[in-house]
Amino acid sequence: MRPDAKETLRLVLARIDDMKAEDTVTIDLTGKTTIADAMVVTSGRSNRQVSAIADHLLRDLAEAGLPNVRVEGMPNCDWVLIDAGDVIVHVFRPEVRTFYNLENMWAPGQAPRRQAN
């Protein structure tokens, strides 16, 4: 059975926390777009950590009943985008995250929810 949006978000946040991702932010997309219910933006310290976070998250999402998750950016691992349907995950290296500044684009003037690390 496919998990709902809340369960998918819970799984994503737990997994990226386990992988020691940094500066994780959750942005509620309800009423802003129909592409997803939530967006998670997080950072890995290096290309290798970004790759590891994405690999483990993809495996866990498949085991949870989301086998056809779309992913972009794995060859370089500067920025990996994981589209899990109800939840979109961006895993960045810190410099790339600063450059694109997605949090400000999707939640301007609003403080996104930061996860405790």
N, C-alpha and C. Protein backbone atom coordinates (compact mmCIF):
# COMPACT_ATOMS: atom_id res chain seq x y z
N MET A 1 0.84 -1.18 0.00
CA MET A 1 0.00 0.00 0.00
C MET A 1 0.88 1.25 0.00
N ARG A 2 0.52 2.21 -0.81
CA ARG A 2 1.27 3.45 -0.94
C ARG A 2 1.03 4.33 0.30
N PRO A 3 2.12 4.85 0.91
CA PRO A 3 1.93 5.74 2.07
C PRO A 3 1.33 7.08 1.66
N ASP A 4 0.61 7.71 2.58
CA ASP A 4 0.05 9.03 2.30
C ASP A 4 1.14 10.09 2.44
N ALA A 5 0.78 11.35 2.18
CA ALA A 5 1.75 12.45 2.19
C ALA A 5 2.43 12.61 3.55
N LYS A 6 1.66 12.52 4.63
CA LYS A 6 2.24 12.70 5.97
C LYS A 6 3.23 11.59 6.30
N GLU A 7 2.88 10.36 5.95
CA GLU A 7 3.78 9.24 6.21
C GLU A 7 5.03 9.33 5.34
N THR A 8 4.88 9.75 4.10
CA THR A 8 6.04 9.92 3.22
C THR A 8 6.96 11.00 3.78
N LEU A 9 6.40 12.10 4.22
CA LEU A 9 7.19 13.18 4.80
C LEU A 9 7.90 12.70 6.06
N ARG A 10 7.21 11.96 6.91
CA ARG A 10 7.82 11.44 8.13
C ARG A 10 9.00 10.53 7.79
N LEU A 11 8.81 9.66 6.82
CA LEU A 11 9.88 8.75 6.39
C LEU A 11 11.08 9.52 5.85
N VAL A 12 10.82 10.51 5.00
CA VAL A 12 11.90 11.32 4.43
C VAL A 12 12.69 12.01 5.53
N LEU A 13 11.99 12.66 6.45
CA LEU A 13 12.68 13.40 7.51
C LEU A 13 13.48 12.47 8.42
N ALA A 14 12.92 11.31 8.73
CA ALA A 14 13.65 10.36 9.58
C ALA A 14 14.90 9.85 8.88
N ARG A 15 14.78 9.53 7.60
CA ARG A 15 15.92 8.98 6.88
C ARG A 15 17.03 10.00 6.70
N ILE A 16 16.69 11.22 6.33
CA ILE A 16 17.76 12.21 6.12
C ILE A 16 18.41 12.59 7.45
N ASP A 17 17.64 12.52 8.53
CA ASP A 17 18.23 12.75 9.85
C ASP A 17 19.21 11.63 10.19
N ASP A 18 18.83 10.39 9.90
CA ASP A 18 19.71 9.24 10.14
C ASP A 18 21.02 9.38 9.36
N MET A 19 20.94 9.97 8.18
CA MET A 19 22.12 10.11 7.31
C MET A 19 22.92 11.38 7.62
N LYS A 20 22.56 12.06 8.71
CA LYS A 20 23.29 13.26 9.16
C LYS A 20 23.25 14.41 8.16
N ALA A 21 22.13 14.53 7.45
CA ALA A 21 21.93 15.69 6.59
C ALA A 21 21.88 16.94 7.48
N GLU A 22 22.21 18.08 6.90
CA GLU A 22 22.30 19.30 7.69
C GLU A 22 21.29 20.35 7.21
N ASP A 23 20.89 21.20 8.14
CA ASP A 23 20.06 22.37 7.84
C ASP A 23 18.80 21.99 7.06
N THR A 24 18.08 21.00 7.56
CA THR A 24 16.88 20.51 6.89
C THR A 24 15.71 21.45 7.12
N VAL A 25 15.03 21.77 6.02
CA VAL A 25 13.88 22.67 6.06
C VAL A 25 12.70 21.99 5.37
N THR A 26 11.52 22.09 5.97
CA THR A 26 10.29 21.60 5.37
C THR A 26 9.43 22.79 4.99
N ILE A 27 8.97 22.80 3.75
CA ILE A 27 8.12 23.89 3.26
C ILE A 27 6.76 23.29 2.90
N ASP A 28 5.72 23.83 3.51
CA ASP A 28 4.35 23.39 3.22
C ASP A 28 3.93 24.01 1.89
N LEU A 29 3.59 23.18 0.92
CA LEU A 29 3.20 23.66 -0.41
C LEU A 29 1.69 23.70 -0.61
N THR A 30 0.95 23.35 0.42
CA THR A 30 -0.51 23.34 0.33
C THR A 30 -1.01 24.73 -0.09
N GLY A 31 -1.78 24.77 -1.15
CA GLY A 31 -2.34 26.02 -1.63
C GLY A 31 -1.39 26.84 -2.50
N LYS A 32 -0.13 26.41 -2.62
CA LYS A 32 0.84 27.13 -3.45
C LYS A 32 1.01 26.48 -4.81
N THR A 33 0.84 25.17 -4.85
CA THR A 33 1.01 24.41 -6.08
C THR A 33 0.30 23.08 -5.96
N THR A 34 0.07 22.45 -7.09
CA THR A 34 -0.54 21.13 -7.08
C THR A 34 0.50 20.03 -7.30
N ILE A 35 1.76 20.39 -7.42
CA ILE A 35 2.79 19.39 -7.71
C ILE A 35 3.11 18.51 -6.51
N ALA A 36 2.92 19.02 -5.30
CA ALA A 36 3.23 18.25 -4.10
C ALA A 36 2.61 18.93 -2.89
N ASP A 37 2.59 18.21 -1.77
CA ASP A 37 2.08 18.76 -0.52
C ASP A 37 3.18 19.39 0.32
N ALA A 38 4.41 18.90 0.14
CA ALA A 38 5.53 19.40 0.94
C ALA A 38 6.82 19.30 0.15
N MET A 39 7.74 20.19 0.51
CA MET A 39 9.08 20.18 -0.06
C MET A 39 10.07 20.13 1.10
N VAL A 40 11.07 19.28 0.96
CA VAL A 40 12.13 19.19 1.95
C VAL A 40 13.42 19.62 1.26
N VAL A 41 14.13 20.54 1.90
CA VAL A 41 15.42 21.00 1.39
C VAL A 41 16.44 20.70 2.47
N THR A 42 17.54 20.04 2.08
CA THR A 42 18.56 19.67 3.04
C THR A 42 19.92 19.70 2.38
N SER A 43 20.96 19.58 3.18
CA SER A 43 22.32 19.64 2.65
C SER A 43 23.16 18.46 3.14
N GLY A 44 24.08 18.06 2.27
CA GLY A 44 25.14 17.12 2.63
C GLY A 44 26.45 17.86 2.50
N ARG A 45 27.44 17.48 3.27
CA ARG A 45 28.71 18.21 3.30
C ARG A 45 29.55 18.03 2.04
N SER A 46 29.31 16.97 1.29
CA SER A 46 30.13 16.67 0.11
C SER A 46 29.27 15.95 -0.93
N ASN A 47 29.82 15.81 -2.13
CA ASN A 47 29.11 15.06 -3.17
C ASN A 47 28.83 13.63 -2.71
N ARG A 48 29.79 13.06 -2.02
CA ARG A 48 29.63 11.68 -1.54
C ARG A 48 28.48 11.57 -0.54
N GLN A 49 28.37 12.53 0.38
CA GLN A 49 27.28 12.48 1.35
C GLN A 49 25.94 12.75 0.67
N VAL A 50 25.90 13.69 -0.26
CA VAL A 50 24.66 13.95 -1.01
C VAL A 50 24.21 12.66 -1.71
N SER A 51 25.15 11.97 -2.34
CA SER A 51 24.85 10.71 -3.02
C SER A 51 24.33 9.66 -2.04
N ALA A 52 24.99 9.53 -0.90
CA ALA A 52 24.58 8.53 0.10
C ALA A 52 23.19 8.83 0.64
N ILE A 53 22.91 10.10 0.93
CA ILE A 53 21.58 10.47 1.43
C ILE A 53 20.52 10.09 0.40
N ALA A 54 20.76 10.45 -0.85
CA ALA A 54 19.79 10.17 -1.92
C ALA A 54 19.62 8.67 -2.11
N ASP A 55 20.71 7.91 -2.18
CA ASP A 55 20.63 6.45 -2.37
C ASP A 55 19.81 5.78 -1.27
N HIS A 56 20.11 6.12 -0.03
CA HIS A 56 19.40 5.49 1.09
C HIS A 56 17.93 5.90 1.11
N LEU A 57 17.66 7.15 0.80
CA LEU A 57 16.28 7.63 0.77
C LEU A 57 15.49 6.92 -0.33
N LEU A 58 16.08 6.78 -1.50
CA LEU A 58 15.40 6.09 -2.60
C LEU A 58 15.09 4.64 -2.24
N ARG A 59 16.03 3.96 -1.61
CA ARG A 59 15.81 2.57 -1.20
C ARG A 59 14.68 2.49 -0.17
N ASP A 60 14.69 3.39 0.81
CA ASP A 60 13.66 3.36 1.85
C ASP A 60 12.28 3.71 1.29
N LEU A 61 12.22 4.63 0.35
CA LEU A 61 10.93 4.98 -0.27
C LEU A 61 10.38 3.79 -1.05
N ALA A 62 11.25 3.08 -1.75
CA ALA A 62 10.81 1.89 -2.49
C ALA A 62 10.29 0.83 -1.53
N GLU A 63 10.99 0.61 -0.43
CA GLU A 63 10.56 -0.38 0.56
C GLU A 63 9.23 0.02 1.22
N ALA A 64 8.96 1.32 1.28
CA ALA A 64 7.73 1.80 1.90
C ALA A 64 6.54 1.79 0.94
N GLY A 65 6.77 1.39 -0.31
CA GLY A 65 5.66 1.31 -1.26
C GLY A 65 5.67 2.40 -2.31
N LEU A 66 6.78 3.08 -2.48
CA LEU A 66 6.92 4.11 -3.51
C LEU A 66 8.05 3.71 -4.46
N PRO A 67 7.82 2.71 -5.32
CA PRO A 67 8.91 2.17 -6.12
C PRO A 67 9.32 3.02 -7.32
N ASN A 68 8.45 3.85 -7.84
CA ASN A 68 8.74 4.59 -9.06
C ASN A 68 9.03 6.06 -8.79
N VAL A 69 9.83 6.32 -7.80
CA VAL A 69 10.22 7.68 -7.45
C VAL A 69 11.16 8.20 -8.53
N ARG A 70 10.94 9.43 -8.97
CA ARG A 70 11.82 10.03 -9.99
C ARG A 70 12.97 10.74 -9.31
N VAL A 71 14.14 10.66 -9.95
CA VAL A 71 15.34 11.28 -9.37
C VAL A 71 16.14 11.94 -10.49
N GLU A 72 16.70 13.09 -10.19
CA GLU A 72 17.56 13.83 -11.11
C GLU A 72 18.81 14.27 -10.35
N GLY A 73 19.94 14.31 -11.04
CA GLY A 73 21.15 14.87 -10.47
C GLY A 73 22.11 13.89 -9.85
N MET A 74 21.85 12.59 -9.95
CA MET A 74 22.73 11.62 -9.32
C MET A 74 24.15 11.57 -9.91
N PRO A 75 24.33 11.80 -11.20
CA PRO A 75 25.71 11.70 -11.71
C PRO A 75 26.69 12.67 -11.04
N ASN A 76 26.27 13.92 -10.77
CA ASN A 76 27.18 14.90 -10.19
C ASN A 76 27.04 15.03 -8.68
N CYS A 77 25.83 14.85 -8.18
CA CYS A 77 25.53 14.93 -6.75
C CYS A 77 25.86 16.29 -6.12
N ASP A 78 25.72 17.36 -6.92
CA ASP A 78 25.75 18.71 -6.36
C ASP A 78 24.37 19.06 -5.83
N TRP A 79 23.36 18.60 -6.58
CA TRP A 79 21.96 18.84 -6.24
C TRP A 79 21.18 17.64 -6.74
N VAL A 80 20.60 16.89 -5.84
CA VAL A 80 19.78 15.74 -6.22
C VAL A 80 18.33 16.07 -5.89
N LEU A 81 17.47 15.91 -6.88
CA LEU A 81 16.04 16.14 -6.75
C LEU A 81 15.35 14.78 -6.72
N ILE A 82 14.55 14.55 -5.70
CA ILE A 82 13.80 13.31 -5.56
C ILE A 82 12.32 13.67 -5.52
N ASP A 83 11.58 13.19 -6.51
CA ASP A 83 10.15 13.46 -6.59
C ASP A 83 9.41 12.21 -6.15
N ALA A 84 8.92 12.23 -4.92
CA ALA A 84 8.20 11.10 -4.35
C ALA A 84 6.69 11.31 -4.43
N GLY A 85 6.26 12.13 -5.37
CA GLY A 85 4.83 12.38 -5.54
C GLY A 85 4.34 13.48 -4.62
N ASP A 86 3.91 13.12 -3.42
CA ASP A 86 3.39 14.09 -2.47
C ASP A 86 4.48 14.93 -1.81
N VAL A 87 5.71 14.43 -1.86
CA VAL A 87 6.84 15.11 -1.21
C VAL A 87 7.99 15.21 -2.22
N ILE A 88 8.52 16.40 -2.35
CA ILE A 88 9.69 16.64 -3.20
C ILE A 88 10.87 16.92 -2.28
N VAL A 89 11.99 16.26 -2.55
CA VAL A 89 13.17 16.41 -1.71
C VAL A 89 14.32 16.95 -2.56
N HIS A 90 14.98 17.98 -2.04
CA HIS A 90 16.18 18.53 -2.67
C HIS A 90 17.33 18.30 -1.71
N VAL A 91 18.37 17.62 -2.18
CA VAL A 91 19.57 17.39 -1.37
C VAL A 91 20.71 18.13 -2.08
N PHE A 92 21.27 19.11 -1.40
CA PHE A 92 22.28 19.99 -1.99
C PHE A 92 23.63 19.88 -1.28
N ARG A 93 24.68 20.23 -1.99
CA ARG A 93 25.91 20.65 -1.34
C ARG A 93 25.66 22.08 -0.90
N PRO A 94 26.22 22.54 0.22
CA PRO A 94 25.88 23.86 0.77
C PRO A 94 26.05 25.03 -0.20
N GLU A 95 27.12 25.03 -0.99
CA GLU A 95 27.36 26.16 -1.91
C GLU A 95 26.29 26.23 -2.99
N VAL A 96 25.86 25.08 -3.47
CA VAL A 96 24.84 25.02 -4.52
C VAL A 96 23.49 25.44 -3.94
N ARG A 97 23.22 25.02 -2.73
CA ARG A 97 21.97 25.40 -2.05
C ARG A 97 21.90 26.92 -1.87
N THR A 98 22.98 27.51 -1.45
CA THR A 98 23.01 28.97 -1.27
C THR A 98 22.76 29.68 -2.60
N PHE A 99 23.36 29.19 -3.66
CA PHE A 99 23.21 29.81 -4.98
C PHE A 99 21.75 29.79 -5.44
N TYR A 100 21.07 28.65 -5.34
CA TYR A 100 19.70 28.53 -5.83
C TYR A 100 18.66 29.07 -4.86
N ASN A 101 18.92 29.03 -3.57
CA ASN A 101 18.05 29.64 -2.56
C ASN A 101 16.57 29.28 -2.73
N LEU A 102 16.29 27.99 -2.83
CA LEU A 102 14.91 27.53 -3.04
C LEU A 102 13.96 27.92 -1.91
N GLU A 103 14.48 27.94 -0.69
CA GLU A 103 13.61 28.28 0.43
C GLU A 103 12.97 29.65 0.24
N ASN A 104 13.73 30.62 -0.25
CA ASN A 104 13.19 31.96 -0.45
C ASN A 104 12.21 31.98 -1.63
N MET A 105 12.44 31.15 -2.62
CA MET A 105 11.55 31.13 -3.78
C MET A 105 10.17 30.57 -3.42
N TRP A 106 10.15 29.53 -2.59
CA TRP A 106 8.89 28.85 -2.28
C TRP A 106 8.22 29.36 -1.01
N ALA A 107 8.96 30.05 -0.16
CA ALA A 107 8.37 30.57 1.07
C ALA A 107 8.92 31.97 1.35
N PRO A 108 8.75 32.92 0.40
CA PRO A 108 9.32 34.26 0.60
C PRO A 108 8.67 34.96 1.79
N GLY A 109 9.50 35.58 2.60
CA GLY A 109 9.01 36.32 3.75
C GLY A 109 8.42 35.46 4.85
N GLN A 110 8.58 34.18 4.74
CA GLN A 110 8.00 33.24 5.70
C GLN A 110 9.12 32.32 6.16
N ALA A 111 9.21 32.08 7.43
CA ALA A 111 10.23 31.18 7.95
C ALA A 111 9.81 29.73 7.75
N PRO A 112 10.51 28.98 6.89
CA PRO A 112 10.19 27.57 6.75
C PRO A 112 10.50 26.82 8.04
N ARG A 113 9.85 25.68 8.23
CA ARG A 113 10.10 24.87 9.43
C ARG A 113 11.44 24.18 9.33
N ARG A 114 12.34 24.48 10.26
CA ARG A 114 13.64 23.84 10.31
C ARG A 114 13.57 22.65 11.24
N GLN A 115 14.21 21.58 10.86
CA GLN A 115 14.24 20.38 11.67
C GLN A 115 15.40 20.51 12.68
N ALA A 116 15.21 20.00 13.86
CA ALA A 116 16.29 19.98 14.85
C ALA A 116 17.27 18.89 14.47
N ASN A 117 18.56 19.21 14.49
CA ASN A 117 19.59 18.19 14.19
C ASN A 117 20.27 17.76 15.44
